[in-house]
N, C-alpha and C. Protein backbone atom coordinates (compact mmCIF):
# COMPACT_ATOMS: atom_id res chain seq x y z
N UNK A 1 140.87 97.73 -72.29
CA UNK A 1 141.61 96.92 -71.35
C UNK A 1 141.04 96.87 -69.70
N UNK A 2 141.15 95.68 -69.19
CA UNK A 2 140.64 95.41 -67.99
C UNK A 2 141.75 95.75 -66.86
N UNK A 3 141.56 96.21 -65.48
CA UNK A 3 142.66 96.31 -64.69
C UNK A 3 142.15 95.27 -63.90
N UNK A 4 143.54 95.59 -62.86
CA UNK A 4 143.60 94.61 -61.46
C UNK A 4 142.37 94.60 -60.47
N UNK A 5 141.51 95.27 -60.24
CA UNK A 5 139.95 95.05 -59.94
C UNK A 5 139.23 94.56 -60.72
N UNK A 6 139.05 94.87 -62.11
CA UNK A 6 138.16 94.14 -63.17
C UNK A 6 138.48 92.86 -62.78
N UNK A 7 139.65 92.53 -63.04
CA UNK A 7 140.25 91.26 -63.06
C UNK A 7 139.73 90.13 -61.69
N UNK A 8 139.80 90.69 -60.88
CA UNK A 8 139.71 90.42 -59.10
C UNK A 8 137.85 90.11 -59.42
N UNK A 9 137.03 91.09 -59.55
CA UNK A 9 135.90 91.39 -59.51
C UNK A 9 135.56 89.81 -60.15
N UNK A 10 136.41 90.12 -61.66
CA UNK A 10 135.80 88.06 -62.14
C UNK A 10 136.03 87.44 -61.94
N UNK A 11 136.82 87.54 -61.06
CA UNK A 11 137.16 86.02 -60.50
C UNK A 11 136.21 85.77 -59.13
N UNK A 12 135.88 86.90 -58.53
CA UNK A 12 134.83 86.58 -57.80
C UNK A 12 133.54 86.21 -57.91
N UNK A 13 133.06 86.71 -59.01
CA UNK A 13 131.74 86.66 -59.51
C UNK A 13 131.80 84.77 -60.38
N UNK A 14 133.17 84.91 -60.65
CA UNK A 14 133.16 82.94 -61.45
C UNK A 14 133.09 82.30 -60.18
N UNK A 15 133.92 82.49 -58.99
CA UNK A 15 133.85 81.74 -57.55
C UNK A 15 132.25 82.04 -57.17
N UNK A 16 131.80 82.99 -57.11
CA UNK A 16 129.94 83.23 -57.14
C UNK A 16 129.05 81.75 -57.50
N UNK A 17 129.38 82.31 -59.24
CA UNK A 17 128.55 81.29 -60.00
C UNK A 17 128.89 79.77 -59.64
N UNK A 18 129.94 79.51 -58.97
CA UNK A 18 130.66 77.89 -58.66
C UNK A 18 129.84 77.53 -57.20
N UNK A 19 130.25 78.66 -56.22
CA UNK A 19 129.59 77.99 -54.85
C UNK A 19 128.38 78.42 -55.34
N UNK A 20 127.50 79.21 -55.78
CA UNK A 20 126.46 78.82 -55.90
C UNK A 20 125.60 77.53 -56.54
N UNK A 21 126.35 77.50 -57.11
CA UNK A 21 125.86 76.14 -58.20
C UNK A 21 125.57 74.97 -57.14
N UNK A 22 126.58 74.96 -56.48
CA UNK A 22 127.66 73.82 -55.48
C UNK A 22 125.71 73.82 -54.16
N UNK A 23 125.16 74.77 -54.19
CA UNK A 23 124.22 75.22 -52.98
C UNK A 23 122.85 74.67 -53.47
N UNK A 24 123.10 74.18 -55.16
CA UNK A 24 121.66 73.43 -55.32
C UNK A 24 121.61 72.24 -54.99
N UNK A 25 122.66 71.38 -54.30
CA UNK A 25 122.48 69.80 -53.64
C UNK A 25 122.35 70.29 -52.40
N UNK A 26 122.13 71.16 -51.87
CA UNK A 26 121.79 71.28 -50.24
C UNK A 26 120.51 70.60 -49.94
N UNK A 27 120.41 69.62 -49.46
CA UNK A 27 119.11 69.17 -48.78
C UNK A 27 118.01 70.02 -47.56
N UNK A 28 117.11 70.50 -48.14
CA UNK A 28 116.59 71.18 -46.88
C UNK A 28 115.63 70.29 -45.75
N UNK A 29 115.46 70.99 -44.76
CA UNK A 29 114.42 70.13 -43.83
C UNK A 29 113.09 70.64 -43.86
N UNK A 30 112.10 69.97 -44.04
CA UNK A 30 110.98 70.14 -44.07
C UNK A 30 109.83 70.73 -42.90
N UNK A 31 110.76 70.30 -41.61
CA UNK A 31 110.39 71.24 -40.84
C UNK A 31 110.81 72.60 -40.53
N UNK A 32 111.86 72.98 -41.03
CA UNK A 32 112.66 74.51 -40.83
C UNK A 32 111.87 75.25 -42.21
N UNK A 33 111.48 76.19 -42.13
CA UNK A 33 111.04 77.11 -42.79
C UNK A 33 112.28 77.79 -43.80
N UNK A 34 113.06 78.00 -43.41
CA UNK A 34 114.57 78.46 -44.08
C UNK A 34 115.31 77.35 -44.06
N UNK A 35 115.69 76.59 -45.47
CA UNK A 35 116.84 76.17 -45.74
C UNK A 35 118.49 75.81 -45.56
N UNK A 36 119.25 75.13 -45.34
CA UNK A 36 120.56 75.13 -44.95
C UNK A 36 120.82 75.99 -46.45
N UNK A 37 120.77 76.22 -47.70
CA UNK A 37 121.27 77.16 -48.72
C UNK A 37 120.78 78.75 -48.66
N UNK A 38 119.84 78.79 -47.81
CA UNK A 38 119.27 80.00 -47.35
C UNK A 38 120.37 81.17 -47.45
N UNK A 39 121.35 81.24 -46.33
CA UNK A 39 122.23 82.06 -45.87
C UNK A 39 123.31 82.06 -47.07
N UNK A 40 124.00 80.69 -47.52
CA UNK A 40 125.07 80.89 -48.23
C UNK A 40 125.01 81.78 -49.65
N UNK A 41 123.15 81.18 -49.98
CA UNK A 41 122.37 82.27 -51.48
C UNK A 41 122.52 83.57 -51.09
N UNK A 42 122.09 84.30 -49.45
CA UNK A 42 122.53 85.56 -49.45
C UNK A 42 123.87 86.07 -49.61
N UNK A 43 124.59 85.38 -48.88
CA UNK A 43 126.11 86.07 -49.22
C UNK A 43 126.94 86.15 -50.29
N UNK A 44 126.20 85.35 -51.35
CA UNK A 44 126.71 84.92 -52.64
C UNK A 44 126.31 85.61 -53.58
N UNK A 45 125.15 86.24 -53.16
CA UNK A 45 124.02 86.89 -53.95
C UNK A 45 124.82 88.35 -53.75
N UNK A 46 124.81 88.98 -52.64
CA UNK A 46 125.66 90.17 -52.37
C UNK A 46 127.22 90.09 -53.04
N UNK A 47 127.90 88.94 -52.67
CA UNK A 47 129.43 89.11 -53.26
C UNK A 47 129.12 89.33 -54.37
N UNK A 48 127.84 88.63 -55.40
CA UNK A 48 128.41 88.67 -57.04
C UNK A 48 128.13 90.42 -57.48
N UNK A 49 126.59 90.69 -56.85
CA UNK A 49 126.57 92.36 -56.69
C UNK A 49 127.71 93.10 -56.66
N UNK A 50 128.65 92.85 -55.88
CA UNK A 50 129.79 93.94 -55.11
C UNK A 50 130.69 93.39 -56.16
N UNK A 51 130.65 92.30 -56.25
CA UNK A 51 132.07 92.09 -57.78
C UNK A 51 131.77 92.59 -58.91
N UNK A 52 130.41 92.52 -59.48
CA UNK A 52 130.23 93.25 -60.43
C UNK A 52 130.14 94.65 -60.66
N UNK A 53 129.96 95.32 -58.95
CA UNK A 53 130.10 96.49 -58.95
C UNK A 53 131.82 97.32 -59.48
N UNK A 54 132.22 96.01 -59.26
CA UNK A 54 133.99 96.05 -59.19
C UNK A 54 134.08 96.44 -60.42
N UNK A 55 133.57 95.32 -61.29
CA UNK A 55 134.24 95.20 -62.47
C UNK A 55 133.44 96.63 -63.53
N UNK A 56 132.32 97.12 -63.16
CA UNK A 56 132.00 98.16 -63.82
C UNK A 56 132.83 99.29 -63.45
N UNK A 57 133.16 99.96 -62.49
CA UNK A 57 133.69 100.86 -61.53
C UNK A 57 135.07 100.98 -62.60
N UNK A 58 135.91 99.55 -62.44
CA UNK A 58 137.41 99.39 -63.18
C UNK A 58 137.11 99.55 -64.78
N UNK A 59 136.01 99.59 -65.33
CA UNK A 59 136.04 99.70 -66.34
C UNK A 59 135.74 101.08 -66.64
N UNK A 60 135.01 102.10 -66.08
CA UNK A 60 134.87 103.38 -65.74
C UNK A 60 135.94 104.34 -65.23
N UNK A 61 136.60 103.42 -64.71
CA UNK A 61 138.40 104.00 -64.41
C UNK A 61 138.88 103.77 -65.27
N UNK A 62 138.99 102.80 -66.06
CA UNK A 62 139.84 102.32 -67.02
C UNK A 62 139.54 103.73 -68.11
N UNK A 63 138.05 103.55 -68.72
CA UNK A 63 137.86 104.95 -69.59
C UNK A 63 138.27 106.16 -69.16
N UNK A 64 138.30 106.64 -67.84
CA UNK A 64 138.73 107.69 -67.49
C UNK A 64 140.00 108.19 -67.81
N UNK A 65 140.90 106.98 -67.33
CA UNK A 65 142.40 106.83 -67.40
C UNK A 65 142.61 107.21 -69.05
N UNK A 66 141.63 106.59 -70.08
CA UNK A 66 142.52 106.34 -70.88
C UNK A 66 141.81 107.81 -71.74
N UNK A 67 140.75 109.05 -71.32
CA UNK A 67 140.53 110.14 -71.52
C UNK A 67 141.66 111.35 -70.88
N UNK A 68 142.10 110.71 -70.18
CA UNK A 68 143.34 111.39 -69.10
C UNK A 68 144.48 111.22 -69.69
N UNK A 69 144.84 110.96 -70.68
CA UNK A 69 146.51 110.31 -71.69
C UNK A 69 147.24 108.90 -70.18
N UNK A 70 146.45 108.24 -69.42
CA UNK A 70 147.08 107.26 -68.82
C UNK A 70 146.97 108.02 -67.17
N UNK A 71 146.59 109.44 -67.16
CA UNK A 71 147.08 109.54 -65.74
C UNK A 71 146.31 108.45 -64.56
N UNK A 72 147.14 108.56 -63.64
CA UNK A 72 145.95 108.00 -62.91
C UNK A 72 145.17 108.22 -62.07
N UNK A 73 143.98 107.71 -61.43
CA UNK A 73 143.10 108.62 -61.00
C UNK A 73 142.98 108.12 -59.30
N UNK A 74 142.56 109.07 -58.42
CA UNK A 74 142.15 108.69 -57.10
C UNK A 74 143.24 108.84 -56.35
N UNK A 75 143.03 108.55 -54.76
CA UNK A 75 144.48 108.35 -53.86
C UNK A 75 145.33 107.54 -54.16
N UNK A 76 146.52 108.17 -53.39
CA UNK A 76 147.63 106.95 -53.55
C UNK A 76 147.06 105.94 -52.17
N UNK A 77 147.61 104.80 -52.34
CA UNK A 77 146.73 103.80 -52.01
C UNK A 77 147.61 103.59 -50.53
N UNK A 78 146.41 103.15 -48.95
CA UNK A 78 147.19 103.70 -47.95
C UNK A 78 146.76 101.98 -47.49
N UNK A 79 148.32 101.32 -47.69
CA UNK A 79 148.28 99.83 -46.83
C UNK A 79 148.24 99.86 -45.67
N UNK A 80 149.01 100.72 -44.95
CA UNK A 80 148.92 100.94 -43.46
C UNK A 80 147.30 100.72 -43.07
N UNK A 81 146.99 101.33 -43.61
CA UNK A 81 145.33 101.67 -42.85
C UNK A 81 144.34 100.09 -43.00
N UNK A 82 144.73 99.70 -44.48
CA UNK A 82 144.44 98.22 -44.80
C UNK A 82 144.63 97.64 -43.45
N UNK A 83 145.88 97.51 -43.38
CA UNK A 83 146.63 96.22 -42.24
C UNK A 83 145.97 96.65 -41.16
N UNK A 84 146.05 98.07 -40.72
CA UNK A 84 145.20 97.66 -39.03
C UNK A 84 143.60 97.97 -39.39
N UNK A 85 142.87 98.20 -40.12
CA UNK A 85 141.96 97.23 -40.58
C UNK A 85 141.48 96.09 -39.89
N UNK A 86 142.19 95.09 -40.84
CA UNK A 86 142.22 93.72 -40.68
C UNK A 86 143.11 93.42 -38.94
N UNK A 87 143.78 94.13 -38.47
CA UNK A 87 144.12 93.80 -37.20
C UNK A 87 142.89 94.18 -36.25
N UNK A 88 142.37 95.30 -36.38
CA UNK A 88 141.02 95.88 -35.47
C UNK A 88 139.91 94.76 -35.76
N UNK A 89 139.83 93.85 -36.92
CA UNK A 89 138.83 93.03 -37.15
C UNK A 89 139.07 91.86 -36.49
N UNK A 90 140.37 91.32 -36.46
CA UNK A 90 141.08 90.43 -35.84
C UNK A 90 141.02 90.19 -34.21
N UNK A 91 141.34 91.69 -33.60
CA UNK A 91 141.00 91.69 -32.31
C UNK A 91 139.64 91.49 -32.00
N UNK A 92 138.53 92.03 -32.61
CA UNK A 92 137.08 92.22 -32.65
C UNK A 92 136.71 90.41 -32.20
N UNK A 93 137.18 89.57 -33.59
CA UNK A 93 136.72 88.15 -33.43
C UNK A 93 137.41 87.43 -32.32
N UNK A 94 138.42 87.79 -31.52
CA UNK A 94 138.91 87.33 -30.66
C UNK A 94 137.96 87.74 -29.15
N UNK A 95 137.62 88.89 -29.21
CA UNK A 95 137.00 89.56 -28.03
C UNK A 95 135.68 88.88 -28.25
N UNK A 96 135.23 88.41 -28.91
CA UNK A 96 133.81 87.96 -29.11
C UNK A 96 133.46 87.08 -27.74
N UNK A 97 133.83 85.63 -27.85
CA UNK A 97 133.86 85.27 -27.12
C UNK A 97 133.92 85.69 -25.35
N UNK A 98 134.76 86.41 -25.11
CA UNK A 98 134.93 86.97 -24.13
C UNK A 98 134.50 88.19 -23.68
N UNK A 99 133.72 89.49 -24.69
CA UNK A 99 132.50 90.17 -24.47
C UNK A 99 131.41 90.00 -24.79
N UNK A 100 131.01 89.18 -25.76
CA UNK A 100 129.53 88.66 -25.93
C UNK A 100 129.74 89.62 -27.36
N UNK A 101 128.67 89.55 -28.10
CA UNK A 101 128.47 89.89 -29.46
C UNK A 101 127.99 91.59 -29.57
N UNK A 102 127.06 92.11 -28.29
CA UNK A 102 126.95 93.24 -28.46
C UNK A 102 128.16 93.94 -27.72
N UNK A 103 128.64 93.84 -26.83
CA UNK A 103 129.90 94.83 -26.24
C UNK A 103 130.98 94.82 -27.41
N UNK A 104 131.10 93.40 -27.86
CA UNK A 104 132.47 93.58 -28.91
C UNK A 104 132.01 94.40 -29.66
N UNK A 105 130.57 94.36 -30.39
CA UNK A 105 130.30 94.61 -31.82
C UNK A 105 130.46 96.42 -31.39
N UNK A 106 129.79 96.75 -30.20
CA UNK A 106 130.42 98.23 -29.97
C UNK A 106 131.50 99.01 -30.19
N UNK A 107 132.12 98.24 -29.51
CA UNK A 107 133.79 98.37 -29.49
C UNK A 107 134.52 98.70 -30.64
N UNK A 108 133.69 97.45 -31.63
CA UNK A 108 134.52 97.91 -32.96
C UNK A 108 134.41 98.42 -33.54
N UNK A 109 132.92 98.69 -33.77
CA UNK A 109 132.54 99.90 -34.52
C UNK A 109 133.03 101.54 -33.70
N UNK A 110 132.95 101.44 -32.67
CA UNK A 110 133.76 102.70 -32.29
C UNK A 110 135.05 102.87 -32.81
N UNK A 111 136.12 101.62 -32.43
CA UNK A 111 137.61 101.66 -33.12
C UNK A 111 137.03 101.45 -34.34
N UNK A 112 136.77 101.00 -35.38
CA UNK A 112 137.13 101.17 -36.49
C UNK A 112 136.75 102.72 -37.09
N UNK A 113 135.57 103.34 -36.41
CA UNK A 113 135.05 105.01 -37.10
C UNK A 113 136.55 105.29 -36.06
N UNK A 114 136.84 105.25 -35.58
CA UNK A 114 138.49 105.90 -35.37
C UNK A 114 139.34 105.81 -36.01
N UNK A 115 139.57 104.64 -36.33
CA UNK A 115 140.71 104.44 -37.29
C UNK A 115 140.74 105.13 -38.29
N UNK A 116 139.37 105.16 -39.12
CA UNK A 116 139.11 105.59 -40.31
C UNK A 116 139.17 107.17 -40.33
N UNK A 117 138.46 107.58 -39.20
CA UNK A 117 138.12 108.82 -39.50
C UNK A 117 137.79 109.62 -37.98
N UNK A 118 138.77 110.02 -37.19
CA UNK A 118 138.74 110.36 -35.96
C UNK A 118 137.83 111.98 -35.81
N UNK A 119 136.51 111.30 -34.84
CA UNK A 119 135.59 112.03 -35.15
C UNK A 119 136.26 113.49 -34.42
N UNK A 120 135.11 114.94 -34.43
CA UNK A 120 135.93 116.18 -34.14
C UNK A 120 134.84 116.51 -33.43
N UNK A 121 135.23 116.87 -32.29
CA UNK A 121 134.60 117.40 -31.04
C UNK A 121 133.31 116.65 -30.31
N UNK A 122 132.68 116.57 -29.44
CA UNK A 122 131.58 116.18 -28.55
C UNK A 122 130.49 115.63 -29.18
N UNK A 123 129.95 116.43 -30.39
CA UNK A 123 129.15 116.14 -31.67
C UNK A 123 129.53 114.87 -32.56
N UNK A 124 130.49 114.60 -32.69
CA UNK A 124 130.98 113.69 -33.60
C UNK A 124 131.49 112.45 -33.11
N UNK A 125 131.73 112.84 -31.58
CA UNK A 125 131.70 111.33 -30.69
C UNK A 125 130.65 111.25 -30.51
N UNK A 126 129.12 111.93 -29.96
CA UNK A 126 128.30 111.27 -30.05
C UNK A 126 127.83 110.42 -30.90
N UNK A 127 127.82 111.30 -32.01
CA UNK A 127 127.21 110.36 -33.56
C UNK A 127 127.95 109.36 -33.50
N UNK A 128 129.17 109.25 -33.35
CA UNK A 128 130.02 108.10 -33.60
C UNK A 128 128.99 106.82 -32.54
N UNK A 129 129.29 106.98 -31.56
CA UNK A 129 128.42 106.36 -30.26
C UNK A 129 127.38 105.85 -30.13
N UNK A 130 126.44 106.93 -31.09
CA UNK A 130 125.20 106.62 -31.57
C UNK A 130 124.85 105.50 -32.16
N UNK A 131 126.05 105.63 -33.47
CA UNK A 131 125.89 104.58 -34.81
C UNK A 131 126.20 103.44 -34.27
N UNK A 132 127.23 103.36 -33.19
CA UNK A 132 128.02 101.89 -32.55
C UNK A 132 126.70 101.16 -32.28
N UNK A 133 126.00 102.11 -31.40
CA UNK A 133 125.05 101.17 -29.86
C UNK A 133 124.02 100.93 -31.60
N UNK A 134 123.57 101.95 -32.28
CA UNK A 134 122.34 101.43 -33.38
C UNK A 134 122.55 99.94 -34.01
N UNK A 135 123.90 100.20 -34.87
CA UNK A 135 124.68 98.99 -35.09
C UNK A 135 123.92 97.94 -34.49
N UNK A 136 124.87 97.50 -33.48
CA UNK A 136 124.86 96.45 -32.77
C UNK A 136 123.51 96.04 -32.34
N UNK A 137 122.53 96.84 -31.87
CA UNK A 137 121.32 96.61 -31.72
C UNK A 137 120.70 96.04 -32.79
N UNK A 138 120.82 96.33 -33.82
CA UNK A 138 119.77 96.55 -34.99
C UNK A 138 120.79 94.78 -35.53
N UNK A 139 121.70 94.50 -35.21
CA UNK A 139 122.64 93.23 -35.92
C UNK A 139 121.84 92.18 -34.78
N UNK A 140 121.69 92.60 -33.71
CA UNK A 140 121.09 91.69 -32.84
C UNK A 140 119.91 91.18 -32.77
N UNK A 141 119.29 92.78 -32.78
CA UNK A 141 117.80 91.87 -33.27
C UNK A 141 117.26 91.21 -34.50
N UNK A 142 118.04 91.66 -35.88
CA UNK A 142 118.00 91.14 -36.83
C UNK A 142 118.40 89.45 -36.75
N UNK A 143 119.15 89.60 -35.92
CA UNK A 143 119.92 87.57 -36.04
C UNK A 143 119.01 87.24 -34.69
N UNK A 144 119.39 87.45 -33.42
CA UNK A 144 118.49 86.46 -32.63
C UNK A 144 117.16 86.80 -32.83
N UNK A 145 116.60 87.95 -33.29
CA UNK A 145 114.95 87.19 -33.37
C UNK A 145 114.36 87.05 -34.30
N UNK A 146 114.78 87.63 -35.24
CA UNK A 146 114.05 87.18 -36.63
C UNK A 146 114.69 86.21 -37.18
N UNK A 147 115.67 86.60 -37.40
CA UNK A 147 116.75 85.14 -37.89
C UNK A 147 117.03 83.24 -37.06
N UNK A 148 116.59 84.37 -35.56
CA UNK A 148 117.10 83.17 -34.48
C UNK A 148 118.67 82.49 -34.59
N UNK A 149 119.23 83.04 -34.91
CA UNK A 149 120.78 82.67 -34.59
C UNK A 149 121.34 83.40 -33.29
N UNK A 150 121.73 82.44 -32.84
CA UNK A 150 122.13 82.70 -31.58
C UNK A 150 123.70 83.07 -31.95
N UNK A 151 123.72 84.50 -30.99
CA UNK A 151 124.86 85.32 -31.50
C UNK A 151 125.64 84.61 -29.73
N UNK A 152 127.28 84.66 -30.13
CA UNK A 152 128.23 84.62 -28.69
C UNK A 152 127.50 85.58 -27.55
N UNK A 153 127.59 84.82 -26.21
CA UNK A 153 127.45 85.60 -24.79
C UNK A 153 129.18 85.35 -24.56
N UNK A 154 128.75 86.68 -23.79
CA UNK A 154 130.78 86.96 -23.32
C UNK A 154 130.91 86.04 -22.07
N UNK A 155 132.02 85.39 -22.13
CA UNK A 155 132.26 84.82 -20.60
C UNK A 155 132.97 85.82 -19.96
N UNK A 156 133.33 86.93 -20.00
CA UNK A 156 133.50 87.89 -18.94
C UNK A 156 132.07 88.65 -18.48
N UNK A 157 131.37 89.21 -19.70
CA UNK A 157 129.92 90.16 -19.65
C UNK A 157 128.57 89.47 -19.11
N UNK A 158 128.78 88.30 -19.73
CA UNK A 158 127.32 86.89 -19.29
C UNK A 158 125.89 87.44 -20.26
N UNK A 159 126.57 88.26 -21.12
CA UNK A 159 125.72 88.78 -22.37
C UNK A 159 126.46 89.27 -23.34
């Protein structure tokens, strides 16, 4: 028997297949090395892999439940944490045009890290700040310099 997660994974897999098929009609520009189908196919491919992993994880969880006599495995769902994560992401999206990609991303990573698991001690805070700076710098470098995608500049910060 398949659980909710397995069904969700199968639905996402089907949607990825349909959307990938639709990218076959996108016409590329011969002057640009990467065509318009490149980014959607990457996102759809990653989404399909994650959906397949969700189906496998659900199948393994169903097998474990069956062997445990139907006992529910895993921690209790934390719906408040999920809601707060979406709120933090919404604040990040709203802040992007005002603070710019680099500043907003550092603040987003710090805020989400604090929300998910508050660092302990000065060493934990330093690790979290370094992580936020590395994530923002690496993402900026990949998109701005390698993929030549312009990221939002801040109205308030200028960069």
